[in-house]
Amino acid sequence: METVLEDYKKFNSYNEAYEVVKTAEVVGYDRNMYRVEVLKSFSNPNVPFSVRYLIQEHVMVQPTYPMTGDKFERKPEDMTVFVDIAGPWVAAQTAEDALSQALSFLAERAGHRA
């Protein structure tokens, strides 16, 4: 995949390209599941690795299709999804350094205990 993403501009449709090279999930003392995705940038050589922060949420989803008349044929469903959350910007030279920085930042949010 790396070779394909290195040539992302040949598609004439993309301004940036990233590859998720590492994913970590941690459970904080707040009992929330956090996910950190380490992204390798193919569009900015000055920032080789950055991160995306997510939190696991439980949601109720009402399928909107199919319908019979004005009634849904499927009942609402309980689902678990990961939702983007704001976190401090991380710019690192290695994937491990990016992950380390992100986990350090998340420790405060997740209820770091000494």
N, C-alpha and C. Protein backbone atom coordinates (compact mmCIF):
# COMPACT_ATOMS: atom_id res chain seq x y z
N MET A 1 0.82 -1.19 0.00
CA MET A 1 0.00 0.00 0.00
C MET A 1 0.86 1.25 0.00
N GLU A 2 2.02 1.20 0.63
CA GLU A 2 2.87 2.39 0.73
C GLU A 2 3.20 2.95 -0.64
N THR A 3 3.52 2.10 -1.61
CA THR A 3 3.86 2.58 -2.94
C THR A 3 2.67 3.29 -3.59
N VAL A 4 1.49 2.75 -3.41
CA VAL A 4 0.29 3.38 -3.97
C VAL A 4 0.09 4.76 -3.36
N LEU A 5 0.24 4.87 -2.05
CA LEU A 5 0.03 6.15 -1.39
C LEU A 5 1.12 7.16 -1.70
N GLU A 6 2.33 6.70 -1.94
CA GLU A 6 3.40 7.62 -2.32
C GLU A 6 3.06 8.33 -3.63
N ASP A 7 2.29 7.68 -4.47
CA ASP A 7 1.91 8.23 -5.76
C ASP A 7 0.47 8.76 -5.76
N TYR A 8 -0.03 9.17 -4.60
CA TYR A 8 -1.44 9.57 -4.49
C TYR A 8 -1.82 10.72 -5.41
N LYS A 9 -0.89 11.57 -5.77
CA LYS A 9 -1.22 12.74 -6.60
C LYS A 9 -1.58 12.35 -8.04
N LYS A 10 -1.17 11.18 -8.47
CA LYS A 10 -1.48 10.78 -9.85
C LYS A 10 -2.98 10.60 -10.06
N PHE A 11 -3.74 10.47 -8.97
CA PHE A 11 -5.19 10.32 -9.08
C PHE A 11 -5.88 11.65 -9.34
N ASN A 12 -5.17 12.77 -9.19
CA ASN A 12 -5.71 14.11 -9.44
C ASN A 12 -6.97 14.42 -8.63
N SER A 13 -7.14 13.77 -7.49
CA SER A 13 -8.34 14.00 -6.69
C SER A 13 -8.04 14.19 -5.21
N TYR A 14 -6.80 13.95 -4.81
CA TYR A 14 -6.47 13.98 -3.40
C TYR A 14 -5.41 15.03 -3.11
N ASN A 15 -5.64 15.76 -2.03
CA ASN A 15 -4.71 16.79 -1.60
C ASN A 15 -3.70 16.26 -0.59
N GLU A 16 -4.12 15.26 0.18
CA GLU A 16 -3.28 14.66 1.21
C GLU A 16 -3.49 13.16 1.21
N ALA A 17 -2.49 12.43 1.76
CA ALA A 17 -2.62 10.98 1.89
C ALA A 17 -1.92 10.52 3.16
N TYR A 18 -2.58 9.60 3.87
CA TYR A 18 -2.05 9.06 5.12
C TYR A 18 -2.27 7.55 5.15
N GLU A 19 -1.42 6.87 5.87
CA GLU A 19 -1.60 5.45 6.13
C GLU A 19 -1.62 5.26 7.64
N VAL A 20 -2.60 4.49 8.13
CA VAL A 20 -2.62 4.15 9.55
C VAL A 20 -1.59 3.04 9.74
N VAL A 21 -0.51 3.37 10.43
CA VAL A 21 0.59 2.40 10.59
C VAL A 21 0.59 1.72 11.94
N LYS A 22 -0.16 2.26 12.88
CA LYS A 22 -0.21 1.67 14.22
C LYS A 22 -1.52 2.10 14.86
N THR A 23 -2.15 1.16 15.54
CA THR A 23 -3.38 1.45 16.28
C THR A 23 -3.23 0.89 17.68
N ALA A 24 -3.58 1.71 18.67
CA ALA A 24 -3.54 1.26 20.05
C ALA A 24 -4.87 1.58 20.71
N GLU A 25 -5.34 0.68 21.56
CA GLU A 25 -6.55 0.92 22.34
C GLU A 25 -6.20 0.77 23.81
N VAL A 26 -6.65 1.74 24.59
CA VAL A 26 -6.40 1.73 26.03
C VAL A 26 -7.70 2.06 26.76
N VAL A 27 -7.86 1.53 27.97
CA VAL A 27 -9.02 1.82 28.81
C VAL A 27 -8.53 2.68 29.96
N GLY A 28 -9.12 3.86 30.08
CA GLY A 28 -8.72 4.78 31.13
C GLY A 28 -9.38 4.46 32.45
N TYR A 29 -8.90 5.10 33.51
CA TYR A 29 -9.54 4.95 34.81
C TYR A 29 -10.98 5.49 34.78
N ASP A 30 -11.29 6.29 33.77
CA ASP A 30 -12.67 6.76 33.60
C ASP A 30 -13.55 5.70 32.94
N ARG A 31 -12.98 4.53 32.65
CA ARG A 31 -13.65 3.36 32.05
C ARG A 31 -14.02 3.55 30.59
N ASN A 32 -13.51 4.59 29.97
CA ASN A 32 -13.72 4.79 28.53
C ASN A 32 -12.64 4.07 27.75
N MET A 33 -13.03 3.53 26.59
CA MET A 33 -12.07 2.92 25.67
C MET A 33 -11.60 4.00 24.70
N TYR A 34 -10.30 4.22 24.65
CA TYR A 34 -9.71 5.19 23.75
C TYR A 34 -8.92 4.46 22.67
N ARG A 35 -8.93 5.03 21.48
CA ARG A 35 -8.14 4.49 20.38
C ARG A 35 -7.25 5.62 19.86
N VAL A 36 -6.00 5.27 19.60
CA VAL A 36 -5.07 6.20 18.99
C VAL A 36 -4.60 5.57 17.69
N GLU A 37 -4.77 6.29 16.60
CA GLU A 37 -4.27 5.83 15.30
C GLU A 37 -3.07 6.68 14.92
N VAL A 38 -1.96 6.03 14.65
CA VAL A 38 -0.76 6.74 14.23
C VAL A 38 -0.78 6.78 12.70
N LEU A 39 -0.69 7.99 12.15
CA LEU A 39 -0.78 8.19 10.71
C LEU A 39 0.57 8.56 10.12
N LYS A 40 0.94 7.87 9.08
CA LYS A 40 2.14 8.23 8.32
C LYS A 40 1.69 9.15 7.19
N SER A 41 2.33 10.32 7.11
CA SER A 41 1.95 11.30 6.09
C SER A 41 2.76 11.10 4.82
N PHE A 42 2.06 11.09 3.70
CA PHE A 42 2.73 11.04 2.40
C PHE A 42 2.70 12.41 1.73
N SER A 43 2.07 13.38 2.40
CA SER A 43 1.92 14.70 1.79
C SER A 43 2.74 15.79 2.46
N ASN A 44 3.23 15.55 3.66
CA ASN A 44 4.02 16.56 4.36
C ASN A 44 5.26 15.92 4.98
N PRO A 45 6.40 16.02 4.29
CA PRO A 45 7.63 15.39 4.81
C PRO A 45 8.12 16.02 6.11
N ASN A 46 7.65 17.22 6.46
CA ASN A 46 8.05 17.86 7.71
C ASN A 46 7.35 17.25 8.92
N VAL A 47 6.25 16.56 8.68
CA VAL A 47 5.51 15.89 9.75
C VAL A 47 5.30 14.43 9.33
N PRO A 48 6.32 13.59 9.52
CA PRO A 48 6.21 12.21 9.05
C PRO A 48 5.09 11.41 9.74
N PHE A 49 4.87 11.66 11.05
CA PHE A 49 3.85 10.90 11.78
C PHE A 49 3.01 11.83 12.64
N SER A 50 1.70 11.63 12.61
CA SER A 50 0.77 12.36 13.45
C SER A 50 -0.22 11.33 14.02
N VAL A 51 -1.21 11.80 14.78
CA VAL A 51 -2.16 10.86 15.38
C VAL A 51 -3.59 11.34 15.24
N ARG A 52 -4.49 10.40 15.38
CA ARG A 52 -5.93 10.68 15.46
C ARG A 52 -6.42 10.04 16.76
N TYR A 53 -7.21 10.80 17.51
CA TYR A 53 -7.76 10.31 18.78
C TYR A 53 -9.24 9.95 18.59
N LEU A 54 -9.65 8.83 19.18
CA LEU A 54 -11.05 8.41 19.12
C LEU A 54 -11.47 7.86 20.48
N ILE A 55 -12.77 7.89 20.74
CA ILE A 55 -13.34 7.31 21.96
C ILE A 55 -14.50 6.42 21.56
N GLN A 56 -14.66 5.32 22.28
CA GLN A 56 -15.74 4.39 21.98
C GLN A 56 -17.04 4.91 22.59
N GLU A 57 -18.09 4.92 21.78
CA GLU A 57 -19.41 5.37 22.22
C GLU A 57 -20.43 4.29 21.91
N HIS A 58 -21.44 4.19 22.76
CA HIS A 58 -22.56 3.28 22.52
C HIS A 58 -23.73 4.14 22.07
N VAL A 59 -24.29 3.81 20.92
CA VAL A 59 -25.36 4.61 20.34
C VAL A 59 -26.52 3.72 19.92
N MET A 60 -27.69 4.34 19.81
CA MET A 60 -28.87 3.66 19.30
C MET A 60 -29.10 4.19 17.88
N VAL A 61 -29.20 3.27 16.94
CA VAL A 61 -29.35 3.65 15.53
C VAL A 61 -30.70 3.17 15.03
N GLN A 62 -31.40 4.05 14.35
CA GLN A 62 -32.67 3.68 13.73
C GLN A 62 -32.44 3.52 12.24
N PRO A 63 -32.43 2.29 11.73
CA PRO A 63 -32.30 2.11 10.29
C PRO A 63 -33.42 2.84 9.54
N THR A 64 -33.08 3.53 8.48
CA THR A 64 -34.08 4.31 7.74
C THR A 64 -34.56 3.60 6.49
N TYR A 65 -34.07 2.40 6.28
CA TYR A 65 -34.48 1.65 5.10
C TYR A 65 -34.41 0.18 5.47
N PRO A 66 -35.27 -0.66 5.08
CA PRO A 66 -36.46 -0.40 4.27
C PRO A 66 -37.64 0.08 5.13
N MET A 67 -38.59 0.68 4.47
CA MET A 67 -39.83 1.14 5.11
C MET A 67 -41.02 0.53 4.38
N THR A 68 -42.06 0.26 5.14
CA THR A 68 -43.33 -0.16 4.57
C THR A 68 -44.34 0.88 5.00
N GLY A 69 -44.84 1.63 4.03
CA GLY A 69 -45.72 2.74 4.37
C GLY A 69 -44.91 3.79 5.12
N ASP A 70 -45.34 4.09 6.32
CA ASP A 70 -44.60 5.07 7.12
C ASP A 70 -43.91 4.41 8.31
N LYS A 71 -43.73 3.08 8.25
CA LYS A 71 -43.10 2.34 9.36
C LYS A 71 -41.80 1.71 8.92
N PHE A 72 -40.81 1.77 9.82
CA PHE A 72 -39.54 1.11 9.57
C PHE A 72 -39.70 -0.40 9.71
N GLU A 73 -39.07 -1.14 8.84
CA GLU A 73 -39.15 -2.60 8.93
C GLU A 73 -38.15 -3.15 9.94
N ARG A 74 -37.14 -2.37 10.27
CA ARG A 74 -36.14 -2.81 11.25
C ARG A 74 -36.26 -1.97 12.51
N LYS A 75 -36.04 -2.61 13.63
CA LYS A 75 -36.11 -1.92 14.91
C LYS A 75 -34.79 -1.19 15.16
N PRO A 76 -34.80 -0.20 16.07
CA PRO A 76 -33.55 0.45 16.45
C PRO A 76 -32.55 -0.58 16.97
N GLU A 77 -31.28 -0.32 16.69
CA GLU A 77 -30.22 -1.24 17.07
C GLU A 77 -29.19 -0.53 17.94
N ASP A 78 -28.69 -1.24 18.94
CA ASP A 78 -27.60 -0.76 19.78
C ASP A 78 -26.29 -1.01 19.03
N MET A 79 -25.46 -0.02 18.95
CA MET A 79 -24.18 -0.17 18.25
C MET A 79 -23.06 0.47 19.05
N THR A 80 -21.86 -0.01 18.81
CA THR A 80 -20.67 0.59 19.39
C THR A 80 -19.86 1.17 18.24
N VAL A 81 -19.47 2.44 18.37
CA VAL A 81 -18.70 3.12 17.33
C VAL A 81 -17.55 3.88 17.98
N PHE A 82 -16.52 4.16 17.20
CA PHE A 82 -15.46 5.04 17.64
C PHE A 82 -15.68 6.41 17.03
N VAL A 83 -15.62 7.43 17.86
CA VAL A 83 -15.90 8.80 17.46
C VAL A 83 -14.64 9.64 17.65
N ASP A 84 -14.34 10.49 16.66
CA ASP A 84 -13.19 11.40 16.79
C ASP A 84 -13.35 12.30 17.99
N ILE A 85 -12.26 12.52 18.70
CA ILE A 85 -12.24 13.50 19.79
C ILE A 85 -11.05 14.42 19.58
N ALA A 86 -11.16 15.61 20.13
CA ALA A 86 -10.05 16.57 20.03
C ALA A 86 -8.93 16.13 20.95
N GLY A 87 -7.74 16.30 20.48
CA GLY A 87 -6.57 15.99 21.29
C GLY A 87 -5.42 16.87 20.84
N PRO A 88 -4.40 16.98 21.65
CA PRO A 88 -3.25 17.80 21.27
C PRO A 88 -2.59 17.30 19.98
N TRP A 89 -2.14 18.23 19.18
CA TRP A 89 -1.45 17.91 17.93
C TRP A 89 -0.17 17.19 18.25
N VAL A 90 0.10 16.12 17.52
CA VAL A 90 1.33 15.36 17.64
C VAL A 90 2.01 15.35 16.29
N ALA A 91 3.28 15.71 16.29
CA ALA A 91 4.11 15.63 15.08
C ALA A 91 5.42 14.99 15.52
N ALA A 92 5.71 13.80 14.98
CA ALA A 92 6.88 13.05 15.43
C ALA A 92 7.64 12.48 14.24
N GLN A 93 8.88 12.11 14.50
CA GLN A 93 9.72 11.54 13.45
C GLN A 93 9.54 10.03 13.32
N THR A 94 9.01 9.38 14.37
CA THR A 94 8.77 7.93 14.31
C THR A 94 7.35 7.64 14.79
N ALA A 95 6.84 6.49 14.39
CA ALA A 95 5.51 6.06 14.82
C ALA A 95 5.48 5.84 16.34
N GLU A 96 6.53 5.27 16.88
CA GLU A 96 6.60 5.01 18.32
C GLU A 96 6.59 6.31 19.12
N ASP A 97 7.34 7.31 18.64
CA ASP A 97 7.34 8.61 19.33
C ASP A 97 5.96 9.26 19.28
N ALA A 98 5.29 9.16 18.15
CA ALA A 98 3.95 9.74 18.02
C ALA A 98 2.98 9.05 18.98
N LEU A 99 3.03 7.73 19.05
CA LEU A 99 2.16 6.98 19.95
C LEU A 99 2.46 7.32 21.41
N SER A 100 3.71 7.41 21.75
CA SER A 100 4.11 7.74 23.12
C SER A 100 3.57 9.11 23.53
N GLN A 101 3.72 10.09 22.66
CA GLN A 101 3.21 11.43 22.96
C GLN A 101 1.69 11.41 23.13
N ALA A 102 1.00 10.73 22.23
CA ALA A 102 -0.47 10.69 22.28
C ALA A 102 -0.95 10.01 23.55
N LEU A 103 -0.33 8.91 23.95
CA LEU A 103 -0.75 8.21 25.16
C LEU A 103 -0.49 9.06 26.39
N SER A 104 0.58 9.83 26.36
CA SER A 104 0.87 10.74 27.46
C SER A 104 -0.22 11.80 27.58
N PHE A 105 -0.63 12.36 26.44
CA PHE A 105 -1.69 13.36 26.45
C PHE A 105 -3.02 12.77 26.93
N LEU A 106 -3.32 11.55 26.47
CA LEU A 106 -4.58 10.91 26.84
C LEU A 106 -4.64 10.57 28.33
N ALA A 107 -3.48 10.36 28.95
CA ALA A 107 -3.45 9.98 30.36
C ALA A 107 -4.19 11.00 31.22
N GLU A 108 -4.04 12.27 30.91
CA GLU A 108 -4.73 13.30 31.68
C GLU A 108 -6.25 13.18 31.49
N ARG A 109 -6.68 13.01 30.26
CA ARG A 109 -8.11 12.92 29.97
C ARG A 109 -8.72 11.67 30.60
N ALA A 110 -7.98 10.57 30.58
CA ALA A 110 -8.50 9.28 31.02
C ALA A 110 -8.45 9.13 32.54
N GLY A 111 -8.00 10.14 33.26
CA GLY A 111 -8.01 10.07 34.72
C GLY A 111 -6.76 9.49 35.30
N HIS A 112 -5.61 9.96 34.86
CA HIS A 112 -4.31 9.49 35.35
C HIS A 112 -4.29 9.48 36.87
N ARG A 113 -3.88 8.35 37.42
CA ARG A 113 -3.72 8.23 38.87
C ARG A 113 -2.26 7.95 39.18
N ALA A 114 -1.75 8.58 40.19
CA ALA A 114 -0.35 8.38 40.58
C ALA A 114 -0.23 7.20 41.50
